[in-house]
Amino acid sequence: QKHRLLENEVYSLEKMASAAAVNGLMKYPYEQIHQVLCDLMVCQFHDILPGSSTEPAEECALRMMEHGLEIVSRLKAKAFFALAKGEFRP
């Protein structure tokens, strides 16, 4: 469930950050999004998603997904406020 949540949050962030960047309201956060995607890809390892990994590996994956969600949360807030205060240019 956390994996699916992180995937959806990254998708939402990419849309918000793209809209803000295209309108010149903020720089697109390439490196931070790359970091989140790296966390997500590690968690997509074939033993982690189905739950056949060891308990320490599962705990590590959950921590990585929490790390990704924390970064996404901060970036979404930044994009939101950039969009809220900026003037949309047609």
N, C-alpha and C. Protein backbone atom coordinates (compact mmCIF):
# COMPACT_ATOMS: atom_id res chain seq x y z
N GLN A 1 0.82 -1.19 0.00
CA GLN A 1 0.00 0.00 0.00
C GLN A 1 0.86 1.26 0.00
N LYS A 2 1.93 1.24 0.77
CA LYS A 2 2.80 2.41 0.83
C LYS A 2 3.50 2.62 -0.51
N HIS A 3 3.81 1.52 -1.18
CA HIS A 3 4.43 1.60 -2.51
C HIS A 3 3.50 2.31 -3.48
N ARG A 4 2.25 1.90 -3.49
CA ARG A 4 1.27 2.51 -4.38
C ARG A 4 1.07 3.99 -4.03
N LEU A 5 1.05 4.30 -2.73
CA LEU A 5 0.91 5.68 -2.30
C LEU A 5 2.07 6.53 -2.81
N LEU A 6 3.28 6.02 -2.66
CA LEU A 6 4.45 6.77 -3.12
C LEU A 6 4.40 6.97 -4.64
N GLU A 7 4.02 5.94 -5.38
CA GLU A 7 3.90 6.09 -6.84
C GLU A 7 2.92 7.21 -7.20
N ASN A 8 1.76 7.19 -6.55
CA ASN A 8 0.73 8.20 -6.84
C ASN A 8 1.18 9.60 -6.42
N GLU A 9 1.86 9.70 -5.30
CA GLU A 9 2.34 11.00 -4.83
C GLU A 9 3.41 11.56 -5.77
N VAL A 10 4.29 10.70 -6.28
CA VAL A 10 5.31 11.15 -7.23
C VAL A 10 4.64 11.66 -8.51
N TYR A 11 3.63 10.95 -8.98
CA TYR A 11 2.90 11.36 -10.18
C TYR A 11 2.26 12.74 -9.96
N SER A 12 1.64 12.92 -8.81
CA SER A 12 1.02 14.20 -8.48
C SER A 12 2.06 15.32 -8.39
N LEU A 13 3.19 15.02 -7.75
CA LEU A 13 4.27 16.00 -7.63
C LEU A 13 4.79 16.41 -9.00
N GLU A 14 4.99 15.43 -9.89
CA GLU A 14 5.52 15.75 -11.21
C GLU A 14 4.59 16.70 -11.96
N LYS A 15 3.29 16.51 -11.83
CA LYS A 15 2.34 17.41 -12.49
C LYS A 15 2.40 18.81 -11.89
N MET A 16 2.43 18.90 -10.56
CA MET A 16 2.46 20.20 -9.90
C MET A 16 3.76 20.95 -10.19
N ALA A 17 4.88 20.24 -10.07
CA ALA A 17 6.19 20.86 -10.29
C ALA A 17 6.35 21.28 -11.75
N SER A 18 5.83 20.48 -12.66
CA SER A 18 5.90 20.83 -14.09
C SER A 18 5.10 22.09 -14.37
N ALA A 19 3.90 22.18 -13.81
CA ALA A 19 3.07 23.37 -14.02
C ALA A 19 3.76 24.62 -13.47
N ALA A 20 4.35 24.49 -12.30
CA ALA A 20 5.03 25.64 -11.70
C ALA A 20 6.28 26.01 -12.50
N ALA A 21 7.02 25.02 -12.95
CA ALA A 21 8.26 25.28 -13.70
C ALA A 21 7.96 25.89 -15.07
N VAL A 22 6.97 25.37 -15.76
CA VAL A 22 6.61 25.88 -17.09
C VAL A 22 6.19 27.34 -17.01
N ASN A 23 5.58 27.71 -15.90
CA ASN A 23 5.13 29.09 -15.72
C ASN A 23 6.16 29.97 -15.04
N GLY A 24 7.37 29.46 -14.91
CA GLY A 24 8.46 30.26 -14.35
C GLY A 24 8.33 30.57 -12.88
N LEU A 25 7.59 29.75 -12.14
CA LEU A 25 7.35 30.02 -10.73
C LEU A 25 8.34 29.32 -9.81
N MET A 26 9.00 28.29 -10.31
CA MET A 26 10.02 27.58 -9.54
C MET A 26 10.86 26.74 -10.49
N LYS A 27 12.05 26.37 -10.04
CA LYS A 27 12.87 25.46 -10.83
C LYS A 27 12.34 24.04 -10.64
N TYR A 28 12.34 23.28 -11.73
CA TYR A 28 11.90 21.89 -11.62
C TYR A 28 12.91 21.12 -10.77
N PRO A 29 12.45 20.40 -9.74
CA PRO A 29 13.36 19.72 -8.81
C PRO A 29 13.86 18.36 -9.32
N TYR A 30 14.64 18.38 -10.39
CA TYR A 30 15.12 17.14 -11.01
C TYR A 30 15.80 16.21 -10.01
N GLU A 31 16.76 16.75 -9.27
CA GLU A 31 17.59 15.89 -8.41
C GLU A 31 16.79 15.28 -7.28
N GLN A 32 15.90 16.06 -6.67
CA GLN A 32 15.09 15.52 -5.58
C GLN A 32 14.13 14.45 -6.08
N ILE A 33 13.53 14.68 -7.24
CA ILE A 33 12.62 13.68 -7.80
C ILE A 33 13.40 12.42 -8.18
N HIS A 34 14.60 12.60 -8.70
CA HIS A 34 15.45 11.45 -9.02
C HIS A 34 15.74 10.64 -7.76
N GLN A 35 16.01 11.32 -6.66
CA GLN A 35 16.29 10.64 -5.40
C GLN A 35 15.07 9.82 -4.95
N VAL A 36 13.88 10.40 -5.07
CA VAL A 36 12.66 9.69 -4.69
C VAL A 36 12.45 8.48 -5.60
N LEU A 37 12.67 8.67 -6.90
CA LEU A 37 12.49 7.56 -7.84
C LEU A 37 13.48 6.43 -7.57
N CYS A 38 14.69 6.78 -7.14
CA CYS A 38 15.67 5.74 -6.78
C CYS A 38 15.17 4.95 -5.58
N ASP A 39 14.63 5.63 -4.57
CA ASP A 39 14.05 4.93 -3.42
C ASP A 39 12.94 4.00 -3.88
N LEU A 40 12.08 4.52 -4.74
CA LEU A 40 10.95 3.73 -5.24
C LEU A 40 11.42 2.51 -6.02
N MET A 41 12.42 2.68 -6.86
CA MET A 41 12.91 1.56 -7.67
C MET A 41 13.54 0.46 -6.82
N VAL A 42 14.26 0.85 -5.77
CA VAL A 42 14.83 -0.16 -4.87
C VAL A 42 13.71 -0.97 -4.24
N CYS A 43 12.63 -0.30 -3.89
CA CYS A 43 11.49 -0.98 -3.26
C CYS A 43 10.70 -1.84 -4.23
N GLN A 44 10.99 -1.73 -5.51
CA GLN A 44 10.31 -2.56 -6.51
C GLN A 44 11.07 -3.85 -6.77
N PHE A 45 12.09 -4.11 -6.00
CA PHE A 45 12.86 -5.35 -6.13
C PHE A 45 11.91 -6.53 -5.99
N HIS A 46 12.16 -7.60 -6.72
CA HIS A 46 11.20 -8.70 -6.83
C HIS A 46 10.87 -9.40 -5.51
N ASP A 47 11.69 -9.28 -4.50
CA ASP A 47 11.37 -9.91 -3.22
C ASP A 47 10.62 -8.97 -2.28
N ILE A 48 10.74 -7.68 -2.49
CA ILE A 48 10.14 -6.73 -1.56
C ILE A 48 8.65 -6.55 -1.82
N LEU A 49 8.25 -6.31 -3.06
CA LEU A 49 6.84 -6.06 -3.35
C LEU A 49 5.92 -7.21 -2.95
N PRO A 50 6.23 -8.46 -3.28
CA PRO A 50 5.31 -9.53 -2.89
C PRO A 50 5.41 -9.92 -1.41
N GLY A 51 6.42 -9.40 -0.70
CA GLY A 51 6.55 -9.70 0.72
C GLY A 51 7.34 -10.95 1.03
N SER A 52 8.12 -11.44 0.08
CA SER A 52 8.90 -12.65 0.33
C SER A 52 10.32 -12.35 0.81
N SER A 53 10.59 -11.09 1.16
CA SER A 53 11.92 -10.72 1.66
C SER A 53 11.99 -10.95 3.17
N THR A 54 13.18 -10.80 3.72
CA THR A 54 13.34 -10.96 5.16
C THR A 54 12.76 -9.74 5.87
N GLU A 55 12.53 -9.88 7.15
CA GLU A 55 11.95 -8.77 7.92
C GLU A 55 12.84 -7.52 7.90
N PRO A 56 14.17 -7.65 8.07
CA PRO A 56 15.01 -6.45 7.98
C PRO A 56 14.92 -5.76 6.61
N ALA A 57 14.82 -6.54 5.55
CA ALA A 57 14.70 -5.95 4.21
C ALA A 57 13.37 -5.22 4.06
N GLU A 58 12.33 -5.80 4.63
CA GLU A 58 11.01 -5.16 4.57
C GLU A 58 11.02 -3.85 5.36
N GLU A 59 11.64 -3.86 6.53
CA GLU A 59 11.72 -2.64 7.34
C GLU A 59 12.53 -1.56 6.62
N CYS A 60 13.60 -1.97 5.98
CA CYS A 60 14.43 -1.03 5.22
C CYS A 60 13.62 -0.42 4.07
N ALA A 61 12.86 -1.25 3.38
CA ALA A 61 12.04 -0.76 2.27
C ALA A 61 10.99 0.22 2.76
N LEU A 62 10.37 -0.08 3.89
CA LEU A 62 9.37 0.83 4.44
C LEU A 62 10.00 2.17 4.82
N ARG A 63 11.20 2.13 5.39
CA ARG A 63 11.91 3.38 5.72
C ARG A 63 12.24 4.17 4.45
N MET A 64 12.65 3.47 3.41
CA MET A 64 12.96 4.14 2.14
C MET A 64 11.72 4.81 1.55
N MET A 65 10.59 4.11 1.63
CA MET A 65 9.36 4.70 1.10
C MET A 65 8.93 5.90 1.94
N GLU A 66 9.11 5.82 3.26
CA GLU A 66 8.81 6.98 4.12
C GLU A 66 9.72 8.15 3.77
N HIS A 67 10.98 7.86 3.50
CA HIS A 67 11.93 8.89 3.08
C HIS A 67 11.44 9.55 1.79
N GLY A 68 11.04 8.74 0.83
CA GLY A 68 10.52 9.27 -0.43
C GLY A 68 9.26 10.10 -0.23
N LEU A 69 8.36 9.63 0.63
CA LEU A 69 7.13 10.37 0.90
C LEU A 69 7.41 11.72 1.57
N GLU A 70 8.41 11.75 2.44
CA GLU A 70 8.77 13.01 3.11
C GLU A 70 9.28 14.03 2.08
N ILE A 71 10.14 13.59 1.19
CA ILE A 71 10.67 14.49 0.15
C ILE A 71 9.53 14.97 -0.75
N VAL A 72 8.66 14.05 -1.16
CA VAL A 72 7.54 14.41 -2.02
C VAL A 72 6.63 15.42 -1.33
N SER A 73 6.38 15.22 -0.06
CA SER A 73 5.51 16.13 0.69
C SER A 73 6.08 17.55 0.70
N ARG A 74 7.36 17.67 0.94
CA ARG A 74 8.00 18.99 0.95
C ARG A 74 7.94 19.65 -0.43
N LEU A 75 8.23 18.86 -1.46
CA LEU A 75 8.24 19.42 -2.82
C LEU A 75 6.84 19.79 -3.29
N LYS A 76 5.84 19.00 -2.91
CA LYS A 76 4.47 19.34 -3.29
C LYS A 76 4.03 20.64 -2.62
N ALA A 77 4.42 20.82 -1.36
CA ALA A 77 4.09 22.07 -0.67
C ALA A 77 4.76 23.26 -1.36
N LYS A 78 6.02 23.08 -1.73
CA LYS A 78 6.75 24.15 -2.42
C LYS A 78 6.08 24.49 -3.75
N ALA A 79 5.71 23.47 -4.51
CA ALA A 79 5.05 23.69 -5.80
C ALA A 79 3.68 24.33 -5.61
N PHE A 80 2.96 23.87 -4.59
CA PHE A 80 1.63 24.42 -4.32
C PHE A 80 1.71 25.91 -4.03
N PHE A 81 2.62 26.29 -3.14
CA PHE A 81 2.73 27.70 -2.79
C PHE A 81 3.26 28.54 -3.95
N ALA A 82 4.12 27.96 -4.77
CA ALA A 82 4.59 28.67 -5.96
C ALA A 82 3.43 28.93 -6.90
N LEU A 83 2.59 27.92 -7.10
CA LEU A 83 1.43 28.08 -7.98
C LEU A 83 0.41 29.04 -7.38
N ALA A 84 0.23 28.99 -6.06
CA ALA A 84 -0.77 29.82 -5.40
C ALA A 84 -0.40 31.30 -5.44
N LYS A 85 0.87 31.62 -5.29
CA LYS A 85 1.25 33.03 -5.24
C LYS A 85 1.58 33.61 -6.61
N GLY A 86 1.88 32.75 -7.58
CA GLY A 86 2.27 33.24 -8.89
C GLY A 86 1.08 33.59 -9.75
N GLU A 87 1.37 34.41 -10.75
CA GLU A 87 0.34 34.73 -11.73
C GLU A 87 0.49 33.79 -12.90
N PHE A 88 -0.58 33.13 -13.22
CA PHE A 88 -0.56 32.19 -14.32
C PHE A 88 -0.45 32.96 -15.63
N ARG A 89 0.50 32.59 -16.44
CA ARG A 89 0.66 33.24 -17.75
C ARG A 89 0.06 32.36 -18.83
N PRO A 90 -0.87 32.89 -19.61
CA PRO A 90 -1.50 32.07 -20.67
C PRO A 90 -0.52 31.71 -21.77
